[in-house]
């Protein structure tokens, strides 16, 4: 059971890690936040394709 990587960027899951990953991909359910992020990403991609730019706004945080 391990994760193997090399200098060329390939990552390989072995044994139990690979089995668990396969089960998650086949039977896992995404979190609500993940589904929302994909939806917003698709909207932004469409906007970028149509207009050539995407406007991103951030929340203001108080200075500490």
Protein backbone atom coordinates (compact mmCIF):
# COMPACT_ATOMS: atom_id res chain seq x y z
CA UNK A 1 0.00 0.00 0.00
CA UNK A 2 1.74 3.16 -1.17
CA UNK A 3 1.74 6.14 -3.46
CA UNK A 4 4.63 6.15 -5.91
CA UNK A 5 5.72 9.26 -7.82
CA UNK A 6 8.70 10.22 -9.94
CA UNK A 7 10.43 13.30 -11.36
CA UNK A 8 8.21 13.30 -14.45
CA UNK A 9 5.04 13.93 -12.43
CA UNK A 10 3.36 10.54 -12.59
CA UNK A 11 1.60 9.30 -9.47
CA UNK A 12 0.69 5.64 -9.05
CA UNK A 13 -1.57 4.24 -6.35
CA UNK A 14 -0.92 0.67 -5.34
CA UNK A 15 -2.77 -2.08 -3.50
CA UNK A 16 -5.39 -0.86 -0.99
CA UNK A 17 -4.98 2.81 -1.98
CA UNK A 18 -5.84 1.98 -5.59
CA UNK A 19 -8.84 -0.12 -4.53
CA UNK A 20 -10.16 2.64 -2.26
CA UNK A 21 -9.70 5.28 -4.97
CA UNK A 22 -11.57 3.12 -7.49
CA UNK A 23 -14.46 2.63 -5.05
CA UNK A 24 -14.63 6.38 -4.40
CA UNK A 25 -14.70 7.12 -8.13
CA UNK A 26 -17.42 4.56 -8.82
CA UNK A 27 -19.66 4.87 -5.77
CA UNK A 28 -18.68 8.07 -3.93
CA UNK A 29 -20.98 11.07 -3.79
CA UNK A 30 -19.57 14.57 -4.17
CA UNK A 31 -20.11 17.17 -1.48
CA UNK A 32 -22.57 19.97 -2.18
CA UNK A 33 -19.73 22.51 -2.21
CA UNK A 34 -17.86 20.51 -4.86
CA UNK A 35 -20.91 20.38 -7.13
CA UNK A 36 -21.43 24.14 -6.71
CA UNK A 37 -17.77 24.83 -7.55
CA UNK A 38 -18.03 22.81 -10.75
CA UNK A 39 -21.20 24.66 -11.73
CA UNK A 40 -19.56 28.05 -11.18
CA UNK A 41 -16.44 26.92 -13.02
CA UNK A 42 -18.47 25.87 -16.04
CA UNK A 43 -20.26 29.22 -16.04
CA UNK A 44 -16.92 31.06 -15.85
CA UNK A 45 -15.50 28.95 -18.68
CA UNK A 46 -18.50 29.75 -20.86
CA UNK A 47 -18.18 33.46 -20.07
CA UNK A 48 -14.47 33.39 -20.90
CA UNK A 49 -15.15 31.68 -24.21
CA UNK A 50 -17.79 34.25 -25.12
CA UNK A 51 -16.08 37.44 -23.90
CA UNK A 52 -12.38 36.63 -23.59
CA UNK A 53 -12.22 37.51 -19.88
CA UNK A 54 -13.69 36.60 -16.52
CA UNK A 55 -14.21 38.99 -13.61
CA UNK A 56 -13.42 37.48 -10.21
CA UNK A 57 -14.37 39.26 -6.99
CA UNK A 58 -13.13 38.35 -3.54
CA UNK A 59 -14.55 38.89 -0.11
CA UNK A 60 -13.04 41.71 1.94
CA UNK A 61 -11.25 40.51 5.05
CA UNK A 62 -10.47 42.75 8.01
CA UNK A 63 -6.82 43.73 8.42
CA UNK A 64 -5.22 42.26 11.52
